[in-house]
Amino acid sequence: MRVAKDGKPFDIDHLSADVCEGEVEVIQYLRPEGKRRRMLADVGVEAAKMAEDMVLSAEELNTLRVALYARFIMEPEEKEINEIAENGPGADSPAMCLARLIERKFNERSRDE
């Protein structure tokens, strides 16, 4: 995951110009005041397409893990699902866990329809 270059506030309705194919925007909540910063995560083209109508967010926990959250834009926060990632490389890295979380949320919506 990387910080977006433009420094603009997060806008769920409009992707920024620096979002590349296969990337998604993520709201990162920063400690201690809960400020928000735009991050970009490379989750692959397929997961990025699934996430087109999603709000994705993340926060670093005291355990040096990362909590990831996903919900669809029109859903209430109560419908949000989450996953915990290791803050480093590998199969449980934030980007890999985020891709799995996106797929899980997308499939959950498909089952409900």
C-alpha atoms as a PDB file:
ATOM      1  CA  MET A   1       0.000   0.000   0.000  1.00  0.00           C
ATOM      2  CA  ARG A   2       1.236   3.472  -0.737  1.00  0.00           C
ATOM      3  CA  VAL A   3       0.170   7.026  -0.007  1.00  0.00           C
ATOM      4  CA  ALA A   4      -1.631   8.686  -2.918  1.00  0.00           C
ATOM      5  CA  LYS A   5       0.416  11.406  -4.606  1.00  0.00           C
ATOM      6  CA  ASP A   6      -2.172  14.144  -4.941  1.00  0.00           C
ATOM      7  CA  GLY A   7      -2.795  14.681  -1.218  1.00  0.00           C
ATOM      8  CA  LYS A   8      -6.479  15.386  -1.848  1.00  0.00           C
ATOM      9  CA  PRO A   9      -9.078  14.429   0.735  1.00  0.00           C
ATOM     10  CA  PHE A  10     -10.648  11.036   0.210  1.00  0.00           C
ATOM     11  CA  ASP A  11     -13.671  11.104  -2.116  1.00  0.00           C
ATOM     12  CA  ILE A  12     -15.620   7.860  -2.522  1.00  0.00           C
ATOM     13  CA  ASP A  13     -17.438   9.190  -5.585  1.00  0.00           C
ATOM     14  CA  HIS A  14     -14.418  10.090  -7.725  1.00  0.00           C
ATOM     15  CA  LEU A  15     -11.216   8.117  -8.181  1.00  0.00           C
ATOM     16  CA  SER A  16      -8.085  10.181  -8.462  1.00  0.00           C
ATOM     17  CA  ALA A  17      -5.903  10.370 -11.544  1.00  0.00           C
ATOM     18  CA  ASP A  18      -3.065   8.491  -9.860  1.00  0.00           C
ATOM     19  CA  VAL A  19      -5.082   5.291  -9.387  1.00  0.00           C
ATOM     20  CA  CYS A  20      -3.619   2.684 -11.735  1.00  0.00           C
ATOM     21  CA  GLU A  21      -5.333  -0.401 -13.114  1.00  0.00           C
ATOM     22  CA  GLY A  22      -5.538  -3.009 -10.382  1.00  0.00           C
ATOM     23  CA  GLU A  23      -5.374  -0.450  -7.567  1.00  0.00           C
ATOM     24  CA  VAL A  24      -8.039   0.700  -5.127  1.00  0.00           C
ATOM     25  CA  GLU A  25      -8.299   3.741  -2.895  1.00  0.00           C
ATOM     26  CA  VAL A  26      -8.279   3.056   0.839  1.00  0.00           C
ATOM     27  CA  ILE A  27      -9.030   5.463   3.681  1.00  0.00           C
ATOM     28  CA  GLN A  28      -6.282   5.080   6.285  1.00  0.00           C
ATOM     29  CA  TYR A  29      -7.222   6.271   9.760  1.00  0.00           C
ATOM     30  CA  LEU A  30      -4.152   7.659  11.543  1.00  0.00           C
ATOM     31  CA  ARG A  31      -3.527   7.719  15.268  1.00  0.00           C
ATOM     32  CA  PRO A  32      -4.035   9.319  17.648  1.00  0.00           C
ATOM     33  CA  GLU A  33      -6.587  11.842  16.327  1.00  0.00           C
ATOM     34  CA  GLY A  34      -8.139   9.632  13.635  1.00  0.00           C
ATOM     35  CA  LYS A  35      -7.057  11.841  10.740  1.00  0.00           C
ATOM     36  CA  ARG A  36      -7.691  10.321   7.321  1.00  0.00           C
ATOM     37  CA  ARG A  37      -5.181   9.810   4.532  1.00  0.00           C
ATOM     38  CA  ARG A  38      -5.681   8.397   1.038  1.00  0.00           C
ATOM     39  CA  MET A  39      -3.773   5.224   0.311  1.00  0.00           C
ATOM     40  CA  LEU A  40      -3.580   3.186  -2.872  1.00  0.00           C
ATOM     41  CA  ALA A  41      -3.372  -0.601  -2.734  1.00  0.00           C
ATOM     42  CA  ASP A  42      -2.518  -2.936  -5.580  1.00  0.00           C
ATOM     43  CA  VAL A  43      -5.072  -5.732  -5.266  1.00  0.00           C
ATOM     44  CA  GLY A  44      -5.088  -6.915  -8.891  1.00  0.00           C
ATOM     45  CA  VAL A  45      -7.415  -6.051 -11.744  1.00  0.00           C
ATOM     46  CA  GLU A  46     -10.145  -8.548 -10.831  1.00  0.00           C
ATOM     47  CA  ALA A  47     -10.407  -7.446  -7.181  1.00  0.00           C
ATOM     48  CA  ALA A  48     -10.245  -3.765  -8.182  1.00  0.00           C
ATOM     49  CA  LYS A  49     -13.254  -4.263 -10.485  1.00  0.00           C
ATOM     50  CA  MET A  50     -15.163  -5.988  -7.663  1.00  0.00           C
ATOM     51  CA  ALA A  51     -14.381  -3.032  -5.375  1.00  0.00           C
ATOM     52  CA  GLU A  52     -15.721  -0.316  -7.699  1.00  0.00           C
ATOM     53  CA  ASP A  53     -18.758   0.354  -5.458  1.00  0.00           C
ATOM     54  CA  MET A  54     -16.995  -0.231  -2.139  1.00  0.00           C
ATOM     55  CA  VAL A  55     -15.663   1.924   0.644  1.00  0.00           C
ATOM     56  CA  LEU A  56     -12.372   0.461   1.859  1.00  0.00           C
ATOM     57  CA  SER A  57     -10.574   1.576   4.990  1.00  0.00           C
ATOM     58  CA  ALA A  58      -7.651   0.554   7.180  1.00  0.00           C
ATOM     59  CA  GLU A  59      -6.072   1.354  10.524  1.00  0.00           C
ATOM     60  CA  GLU A  60      -2.847   0.214  12.125  1.00  0.00           C
ATOM     61  CA  LEU A  61      -3.466  -1.503  15.435  1.00  0.00           C
ATOM     62  CA  ASN A  62      -1.284  -1.341  18.561  1.00  0.00           C
ATOM     63  CA  THR A  63      -0.177  -4.897  17.764  1.00  0.00           C
ATOM     64  CA  LEU A  64       1.471  -3.661  14.530  1.00  0.00           C
ATOM     65  CA  ARG A  65      -1.222  -5.461  12.564  1.00  0.00           C
ATOM     66  CA  VAL A  66      -3.622  -3.705  10.208  1.00  0.00           C
ATOM     67  CA  ALA A  67      -7.409  -3.854  10.458  1.00  0.00           C
ATOM     68  CA  LEU A  68      -9.041  -3.693   7.019  1.00  0.00           C
ATOM     69  CA  TYR A  69     -12.718  -2.896   6.415  1.00  0.00           C
ATOM     70  CA  ALA A  70     -15.012  -3.145   3.374  1.00  0.00           C
ATOM     71  CA  ARG A  71     -18.613  -2.221   2.653  1.00  0.00           C
ATOM     72  CA  PHE A  72     -20.594  -1.097  -0.355  1.00  0.00           C
ATOM     73  CA  ILE A  73     -21.177   2.655  -0.674  1.00  0.00           C
ATOM     74  CA  MET A  74     -24.932   2.483  -0.104  1.00  0.00           C
ATOM     75  CA  GLU A  75     -24.676   0.097   2.859  1.00  0.00           C
ATOM     76  CA  PRO A  76     -24.704   1.208   6.500  1.00  0.00           C
ATOM     77  CA  GLU A  77     -21.504   0.754   8.509  1.00  0.00           C
ATOM     78  CA  GLU A  78     -23.150  -2.166  10.326  1.00  0.00           C
ATOM     79  CA  LYS A  79     -22.807  -4.214   7.107  1.00  0.00           C
ATOM     80  CA  GLU A  80     -19.047  -3.612   7.014  1.00  0.00           C
ATOM     81  CA  ILE A  81     -16.824  -6.698   7.181  1.00  0.00           C
ATOM     82  CA  ASN A  82     -13.208  -6.802   8.302  1.00  0.00           C
ATOM     83  CA  GLU A  83      -9.985  -8.748   8.256  1.00  0.00           C
ATOM     84  CA  ILE A  84      -6.712  -8.453  10.152  1.00  0.00           C
ATOM     85  CA  ALA A  85      -3.453  -8.318   8.172  1.00  0.00           C
ATOM     86  CA  GLU A  86       0.194  -8.547   9.159  1.00  0.00           C
ATOM     87  CA  ASN A  87       1.955  -5.224   8.547  1.00  0.00           C
ATOM     88  CA  GLY A  88       4.586  -6.588   6.187  1.00  0.00           C
ATOM     89  CA  PRO A  89       5.081  -8.661   3.045  1.00  0.00           C
ATOM     90  CA  GLY A  90       3.697 -12.120   2.336  1.00  0.00           C
ATOM     91  CA  ALA A  91       0.380 -13.924   2.062  1.00  0.00           C
ATOM     92  CA  ASP A  92      -1.084 -11.992   5.014  1.00  0.00           C
ATOM     93  CA  SER A  93       0.166  -8.571   3.897  1.00  0.00           C
ATOM     94  CA  PRO A  94      -2.371  -5.723   3.854  1.00  0.00           C
ATOM     95  CA  ALA A  95      -2.722  -5.790   0.048  1.00  0.00           C
ATOM     96  CA  MET A  96      -3.237  -9.569  -0.095  1.00  0.00           C
ATOM     97  CA  CYS A  97      -5.733  -9.531   2.779  1.00  0.00           C
ATOM     98  CA  LEU A  98      -7.527  -6.580   1.206  1.00  0.00           C
ATOM     99  CA  ALA A  99      -7.926  -8.496  -2.072  1.00  0.00           C
ATOM    100  CA  ARG A 100      -9.432 -11.436  -0.167  1.00  0.00           C
ATOM    101  CA  LEU A 101     -11.700  -9.101   1.820  1.00  0.00           C
ATOM    102  CA  ILE A 102     -12.968  -7.444  -1.374  1.00  0.00           C
ATOM    103  CA  GLU A 103     -13.761 -10.825  -2.916  1.00  0.00           C
ATOM    104  CA  ARG A 104     -15.523 -11.971   0.258  1.00  0.00           C
ATOM    105  CA  LYS A 105     -17.667  -8.812   0.390  1.00  0.00           C
ATOM    106  CA  PHE A 106     -18.458  -9.026  -3.333  1.00  0.00           C
ATOM    107  CA  ASN A 107     -19.517 -12.685  -2.986  1.00  0.00           C
ATOM    108  CA  GLU A 108     -21.615 -11.843   0.078  1.00  0.00           C
ATOM    109  CA  ARG A 109     -23.568  -9.312  -1.993  1.00  0.00           C
ATOM    110  CA  SER A 110     -23.988 -11.808  -4.843  1.00  0.00           C
ATOM    111  CA  ARG A 111     -25.459 -14.383  -2.422  1.00  0.00           C
ATOM    112  CA  ASP A 112     -27.906 -11.819  -1.011  1.00  0.00           C
ATOM    113  CA  GLU A 113     -29.273 -10.803  -4.428  1.00  0.00           C
END
